[in-house]
């Protein structure tokens, strides 16, 4: 059976990504979609491999993926909010010139030890930003690297590659530009 941590949107994405034929899936609720998807997975013999998002090669890997906890939903809402609050405080510390007196922290260790623990949640943008800013701290001895899933790496690479757009001969670029007027 499909693990309950997968949302309706997750299941619909899997259905569309692997081309699984479930008519009117968008009108069903989560329970009906999961039952229909699981029975359809037992009726088909193969699926197209996905090397971009899910990194799944065959039908058996997809079944195992759906049986386990959703890797995108490893935190509860309460845990994620706690991490977000901590990251906001770290960002405030960094934006104030790494001055411990201008933050809620008493020592530098109160920042560095927990940030190492939450670095495993590198898929959360606030965690990546807090670590990026904190790595510029002159008091930091060792640099911290956020742990980012392959799926998020692909999304970040795609986002970076989409910065240049072409419109009927017009090229739109994003970034910092300096305009000088003489």
C-alpha atoms as a PDB file:
ATOM      1  CA  UNK A   1       0.000   0.000   0.000  1.00  0.00           C
ATOM      2  CA  UNK A   2       1.091   3.592  -0.610  1.00  0.00           C
ATOM      3  CA  UNK A   3       2.481   5.423   2.419  1.00  0.00           C
ATOM      4  CA  UNK A   4       0.126   8.062   3.827  1.00  0.00           C
ATOM      5  CA  UNK A   5       2.840  10.777   3.771  1.00  0.00           C
ATOM      6  CA  UNK A   6       2.293  11.242   0.026  1.00  0.00           C
ATOM      7  CA  UNK A   7      -0.150  14.068  -0.662  1.00  0.00           C
ATOM      8  CA  UNK A   8      -2.728  14.133  -3.423  1.00  0.00           C
ATOM      9  CA  UNK A   9      -0.467  16.458  -5.401  1.00  0.00           C
ATOM     10  CA  UNK A  10       2.496  14.102  -5.005  1.00  0.00           C
ATOM     11  CA  UNK A  11       0.436  11.179  -6.282  1.00  0.00           C
ATOM     12  CA  UNK A  12      -0.876  13.207  -9.238  1.00  0.00           C
ATOM     13  CA  UNK A  13       2.699  14.202 -10.124  1.00  0.00           C
ATOM     14  CA  UNK A  14       3.778  10.549 -10.062  1.00  0.00           C
ATOM     15  CA  UNK A  15       0.815   9.545 -12.237  1.00  0.00           C
ATOM     16  CA  UNK A  16       1.629  12.180 -14.846  1.00  0.00           C
ATOM     17  CA  UNK A  17       5.419  11.686 -14.706  1.00  0.00           C
ATOM     18  CA  UNK A  18       5.261   7.945 -15.311  1.00  0.00           C
ATOM     19  CA  UNK A  19       2.291   8.068 -17.694  1.00  0.00           C
ATOM     20  CA  UNK A  20       0.049   5.848 -15.577  1.00  0.00           C
ATOM     21  CA  UNK A  21      -3.479   5.726 -16.950  1.00  0.00           C
ATOM     22  CA  UNK A  22      -5.965   6.620 -14.228  1.00  0.00           C
ATOM     23  CA  UNK A  23      -9.000   8.410 -15.690  1.00  0.00           C
ATOM     24  CA  UNK A  24     -10.384  11.383 -13.751  1.00  0.00           C
ATOM     25  CA  UNK A  25      -7.598  11.255 -11.185  1.00  0.00           C
ATOM     26  CA  UNK A  26      -7.890  15.004 -10.574  1.00  0.00           C
ATOM     27  CA  UNK A  27     -11.486  14.642  -9.390  1.00  0.00           C
ATOM     28  CA  UNK A  28     -10.700  11.860  -6.882  1.00  0.00           C
ATOM     29  CA  UNK A  29      -9.701  12.328  -3.266  1.00  0.00           C
ATOM     30  CA  UNK A  30      -6.311  11.169  -1.953  1.00  0.00           C
ATOM     31  CA  UNK A  31      -7.539   7.775  -0.729  1.00  0.00           C
ATOM     32  CA  UNK A  32      -9.192   6.858  -4.038  1.00  0.00           C
ATOM     33  CA  UNK A  33      -6.127   8.003  -5.999  1.00  0.00           C
ATOM     34  CA  UNK A  34      -3.791   5.896  -3.861  1.00  0.00           C
ATOM     35  CA  UNK A  35      -6.030   2.808  -4.225  1.00  0.00           C
ATOM     36  CA  UNK A  36      -6.354   3.310  -7.992  1.00  0.00           C
ATOM     37  CA  UNK A  37      -2.625   3.953  -8.404  1.00  0.00           C
ATOM     38  CA  UNK A  38      -1.622   0.905  -6.368  1.00  0.00           C
ATOM     39  CA  UNK A  39      -3.966  -1.396  -8.291  1.00  0.00           C
ATOM     40  CA  UNK A  40      -2.794   0.056 -11.611  1.00  0.00           C
ATOM     41  CA  UNK A  41       0.840  -0.539 -10.614  1.00  0.00           C
ATOM     42  CA  UNK A  42       0.004  -4.219 -10.147  1.00  0.00           C
ATOM     43  CA  UNK A  43      -1.693  -4.387 -13.567  1.00  0.00           C
ATOM     44  CA  UNK A  44       1.082  -2.856 -15.667  1.00  0.00           C
ATOM     45  CA  UNK A  45       4.390  -4.498 -16.508  1.00  0.00           C
ATOM     46  CA  UNK A  46       6.743  -1.544 -16.945  1.00  0.00           C
ATOM     47  CA  UNK A  47       7.059   2.217 -16.649  1.00  0.00           C
ATOM     48  CA  UNK A  48       9.328   4.711 -18.406  1.00  0.00           C
ATOM     49  CA  UNK A  49      12.431   5.463 -16.318  1.00  0.00           C
ATOM     50  CA  UNK A  50      12.818   8.879 -14.732  1.00  0.00           C
ATOM     51  CA  UNK A  51      16.366  10.179 -14.261  1.00  0.00           C
ATOM     52  CA  UNK A  52      15.399  13.781 -13.568  1.00  0.00           C
ATOM     53  CA  UNK A  53      13.081  14.064 -10.577  1.00  0.00           C
ATOM     54  CA  UNK A  54      12.478  10.731  -8.868  1.00  0.00           C
ATOM     55  CA  UNK A  55      15.546   8.814 -10.115  1.00  0.00           C
ATOM     56  CA  UNK A  56      13.474   5.653 -10.572  1.00  0.00           C
ATOM     57  CA  UNK A  57      14.463   3.114 -13.221  1.00  0.00           C
ATOM     58  CA  UNK A  58      11.711   0.473 -13.117  1.00  0.00           C
ATOM     59  CA  UNK A  59       8.318  -0.520 -11.724  1.00  0.00           C
ATOM     60  CA  UNK A  60       9.717  -2.301  -8.655  1.00  0.00           C
ATOM     61  CA  UNK A  61      11.687   0.790  -7.616  1.00  0.00           C
ATOM     62  CA  UNK A  62       8.526   2.894  -7.936  1.00  0.00           C
ATOM     63  CA  UNK A  63       6.579   0.479  -5.728  1.00  0.00           C
ATOM     64  CA  UNK A  64       9.335   0.558  -3.090  1.00  0.00           C
ATOM     65  CA  UNK A  65       9.453   4.363  -3.302  1.00  0.00           C
ATOM     66  CA  UNK A  66       5.704   4.592  -2.680  1.00  0.00           C
ATOM     67  CA  UNK A  67       5.814   2.117   0.248  1.00  0.00           C
ATOM     68  CA  UNK A  68       8.377   4.184   2.160  1.00  0.00           C
ATOM     69  CA  UNK A  69       7.903   7.572   3.784  1.00  0.00           C
ATOM     70  CA  UNK A  70       7.802  10.456   1.332  1.00  0.00           C
ATOM     71  CA  UNK A  71      11.367  11.864   1.335  1.00  0.00           C
ATOM     72  CA  UNK A  72      10.001  15.388   0.864  1.00  0.00           C
ATOM     73  CA  UNK A  73       7.815  15.158   3.972  1.00  0.00           C
ATOM     74  CA  UNK A  74      10.255  14.034   6.658  1.00  0.00           C
ATOM     75  CA  UNK A  75       9.379  16.921   8.975  1.00  0.00           C
ATOM     76  CA  UNK A  76       6.141  17.695  10.730  1.00  0.00           C
ATOM     77  CA  UNK A  77       4.749  21.213  10.442  1.00  0.00           C
ATOM     78  CA  UNK A  78       5.780  21.918  14.033  1.00  0.00           C
ATOM     79  CA  UNK A  79       9.370  20.768  13.429  1.00  0.00           C
ATOM     80  CA  UNK A  80       9.644  22.757  10.209  1.00  0.00           C
ATOM     81  CA  UNK A  81       8.349  25.919  11.910  1.00  0.00           C
ATOM     82  CA  UNK A  82      10.934  25.479  14.669  1.00  0.00           C
ATOM     83  CA  UNK A  83      13.724  25.142  12.083  1.00  0.00           C
ATOM     84  CA  UNK A  84      12.421  28.177  10.187  1.00  0.00           C
ATOM     85  CA  UNK A  85      12.393  30.321  13.349  1.00  0.00           C
ATOM     86  CA  UNK A  86      15.955  29.286  14.174  1.00  0.00           C
ATOM     87  CA  UNK A  87      17.107  30.051  10.622  1.00  0.00           C
ATOM     88  CA  UNK A  88      15.485  33.486  10.778  1.00  0.00           C
ATOM     89  CA  UNK A  89      17.400  34.250  13.967  1.00  0.00           C
ATOM     90  CA  UNK A  90      20.654  33.059  12.366  1.00  0.00           C
ATOM     91  CA  UNK A  91      19.977  35.296   9.353  1.00  0.00           C
ATOM     92  CA  UNK A  92      19.370  38.265  11.696  1.00  0.00           C
ATOM     93  CA  UNK A  93      22.689  37.483  13.425  1.00  0.00           C
ATOM     94  CA  UNK A  94      24.472  37.398  10.073  1.00  0.00           C
ATOM     95  CA  UNK A  95      22.818  40.565   8.744  1.00  0.00           C
ATOM     96  CA  UNK A  96      23.894  42.435  11.905  1.00  0.00           C
ATOM     97  CA  UNK A  97      27.556  41.901  11.114  1.00  0.00           C
ATOM     98  CA  UNK A  98      27.943  38.641  13.069  1.00  0.00           C
ATOM     99  CA  UNK A  99      27.517  40.571  16.315  1.00  0.00           C
ATOM    100  CA  UNK A 100      26.335  38.215  19.047  1.00  0.00           C
ATOM    101  CA  UNK A 101      25.013  41.167  21.110  1.00  0.00           C
ATOM    102  CA  UNK A 102      22.489  42.024  18.388  1.00  0.00           C
ATOM    103  CA  UNK A 103      20.928  38.561  18.433  1.00  0.00           C
ATOM    104  CA  UNK A 104      19.023  36.291  20.785  1.00  0.00           C
ATOM    105  CA  UNK A 105      22.037  34.020  21.139  1.00  0.00           C
ATOM    106  CA  UNK A 106      24.432  34.186  24.079  1.00  0.00           C
ATOM    107  CA  UNK A 107      27.398  32.382  22.545  1.00  0.00           C
ATOM    108  CA  UNK A 108      28.574  31.461  19.072  1.00  0.00           C
ATOM    109  CA  UNK A 109      28.259  27.773  19.952  1.00  0.00           C
ATOM    110  CA  UNK A 110      24.488  28.251  20.376  1.00  0.00           C
ATOM    111  CA  UNK A 111      24.440  28.939  16.639  1.00  0.00           C
ATOM    112  CA  UNK A 112      27.063  26.593  15.247  1.00  0.00           C
ATOM    113  CA  UNK A 113      25.996  23.352  16.938  1.00  0.00           C
ATOM    114  CA  UNK A 114      22.274  23.498  15.992  1.00  0.00           C
ATOM    115  CA  UNK A 115      22.999  24.723  12.456  1.00  0.00           C
ATOM    116  CA  UNK A 116      25.167  21.630  11.939  1.00  0.00           C
ATOM    117  CA  UNK A 117      22.251  19.484  13.066  1.00  0.00           C
ATOM    118  CA  UNK A 118      19.711  21.115  10.754  1.00  0.00           C
ATOM    119  CA  UNK A 119      22.049  21.138   7.762  1.00  0.00           C
ATOM    120  CA  UNK A 120      20.541  17.770   6.803  1.00  0.00           C
ATOM    121  CA  UNK A 121      17.392  19.698   5.835  1.00  0.00           C
ATOM    122  CA  UNK A 122      19.109  21.533   2.979  1.00  0.00           C
ATOM    123  CA  UNK A 123      16.035  21.234   0.771  1.00  0.00           C
ATOM    124  CA  UNK A 124      14.466  24.040   2.819  1.00  0.00           C
ATOM    125  CA  UNK A 125      15.502  27.390   1.283  1.00  0.00           C
ATOM    126  CA  UNK A 126      15.864  29.153   4.658  1.00  0.00           C
ATOM    127  CA  UNK A 127      18.320  26.501   5.842  1.00  0.00           C
ATOM    128  CA  UNK A 128      20.444  26.956   2.717  1.00  0.00           C
ATOM    129  CA  UNK A 129      20.380  30.742   3.086  1.00  0.00           C
ATOM    130  CA  UNK A 130      21.252  30.673   6.794  1.00  0.00           C
ATOM    131  CA  UNK A 131      24.179  28.306   6.157  1.00  0.00           C
ATOM    132  CA  UNK A 132      25.394  30.391   3.205  1.00  0.00           C
ATOM    133  CA  UNK A 133      25.414  33.559   5.326  1.00  0.00           C
ATOM    134  CA  UNK A 134      26.891  31.807   8.356  1.00  0.00           C
ATOM    135  CA  UNK A 135      29.780  30.388   6.320  1.00  0.00           C
ATOM    136  CA  UNK A 136      30.987  34.000   5.872  1.00  0.00           C
ATOM    137  CA  UNK A 137      31.292  34.402   9.659  1.00  0.00           C
ATOM    138  CA  UNK A 138      34.965  35.023  10.562  1.00  0.00           C
ATOM    139  CA  UNK A 139      34.453  33.180  13.889  1.00  0.00           C
ATOM    140  CA  UNK A 140      33.415  29.983  12.090  1.00  0.00           C
ATOM    141  CA  UNK A 141      36.221  27.433  12.055  1.00  0.00           C
ATOM    142  CA  UNK A 142      34.737  24.811   9.729  1.00  0.00           C
ATOM    143  CA  UNK A 143      32.447  25.520   6.789  1.00  0.00           C
ATOM    144  CA  UNK A 144      29.047  23.848   6.891  1.00  0.00           C
ATOM    145  CA  UNK A 145      27.580  22.223   3.781  1.00  0.00           C
ATOM    146  CA  UNK A 146      23.810  21.753   3.537  1.00  0.00           C
ATOM    147  CA  UNK A 147      22.659  18.278   2.538  1.00  0.00           C
ATOM    148  CA  UNK A 148      20.566  18.685  -0.605  1.00  0.00           C
ATOM    149  CA  UNK A 149      18.631  15.843  -2.234  1.00  0.00           C
ATOM    150  CA  UNK A 150      19.206  14.949  -5.885  1.00  0.00           C
ATOM    151  CA  UNK A 151      15.700  16.117  -6.692  1.00  0.00           C
ATOM    152  CA  UNK A 152      16.352  19.571  -5.230  1.00  0.00           C
ATOM    153  CA  UNK A 153      19.734  19.788  -6.986  1.00  0.00           C
ATOM    154  CA  UNK A 154      17.971  19.174 -10.298  1.00  0.00           C
ATOM    155  CA  UNK A 155      15.374  21.850  -9.504  1.00  0.00           C
ATOM    156  CA  UNK A 156      18.068  24.377  -8.555  1.00  0.00           C
ATOM    157  CA  UNK A 157      20.057  23.597 -11.720  1.00  0.00           C
ATOM    158  CA  UNK A 158      16.932  23.971 -13.870  1.00  0.00           C
ATOM    159  CA  UNK A 159      16.138  27.261 -12.157  1.00  0.00           C
ATOM    160  CA  UNK A 160      19.672  28.504 -12.758  1.00  0.00           C
ATOM    161  CA  UNK A 161      19.561  27.463 -16.435  1.00  0.00           C
ATOM    162  CA  UNK A 162      16.216  29.184 -17.046  1.00  0.00           C
ATOM    163  CA  UNK A 163      17.558  32.627 -16.215  1.00  0.00           C
ATOM    164  CA  UNK A 164      18.059  33.490 -19.904  1.00  0.00           C
ATOM    165  CA  UNK A 165      14.864  33.746 -21.965  1.00  0.00           C
ATOM    166  CA  UNK A 166      14.367  34.458 -25.656  1.00  0.00           C
ATOM    167  CA  UNK A 167      11.294  36.363 -26.935  1.00  0.00           C
ATOM    168  CA  UNK A 168      11.110  36.855 -30.725  1.00  0.00           C
ATOM    169  CA  UNK A 169      14.704  37.987 -31.050  1.00  0.00           C
ATOM    170  CA  UNK A 170      14.715  39.747 -27.657  1.00  0.00           C
ATOM    171  CA  UNK A 171      16.937  38.204 -24.978  1.00  0.00           C
ATOM    172  CA  UNK A 172      15.894  38.638 -21.346  1.00  0.00           C
ATOM    173  CA  UNK A 173      18.571  38.063 -18.734  1.00  0.00           C
ATOM    174  CA  UNK A 174      18.231  38.143 -14.971  1.00  0.00           C
ATOM    175  CA  UNK A 175      20.938  39.360 -12.678  1.00  0.00           C
ATOM    176  CA  UNK A 176      22.635  42.548 -11.508  1.00  0.00           C
ATOM    177  CA  UNK A 177      23.199  45.243 -14.086  1.00  0.00           C
ATOM    178  CA  UNK A 178      24.908  48.626 -13.841  1.00  0.00           C
ATOM    179  CA  UNK A 179      23.577  51.437 -16.048  1.00  0.00           C
ATOM    180  CA  UNK A 180      25.736  54.535 -16.416  1.00  0.00           C
ATOM    181  CA  UNK A 181      24.413  57.803 -17.795  1.00  0.00           C
ATOM    182  CA  UNK A 182      26.901  60.268 -19.221  1.00  0.00           C
END
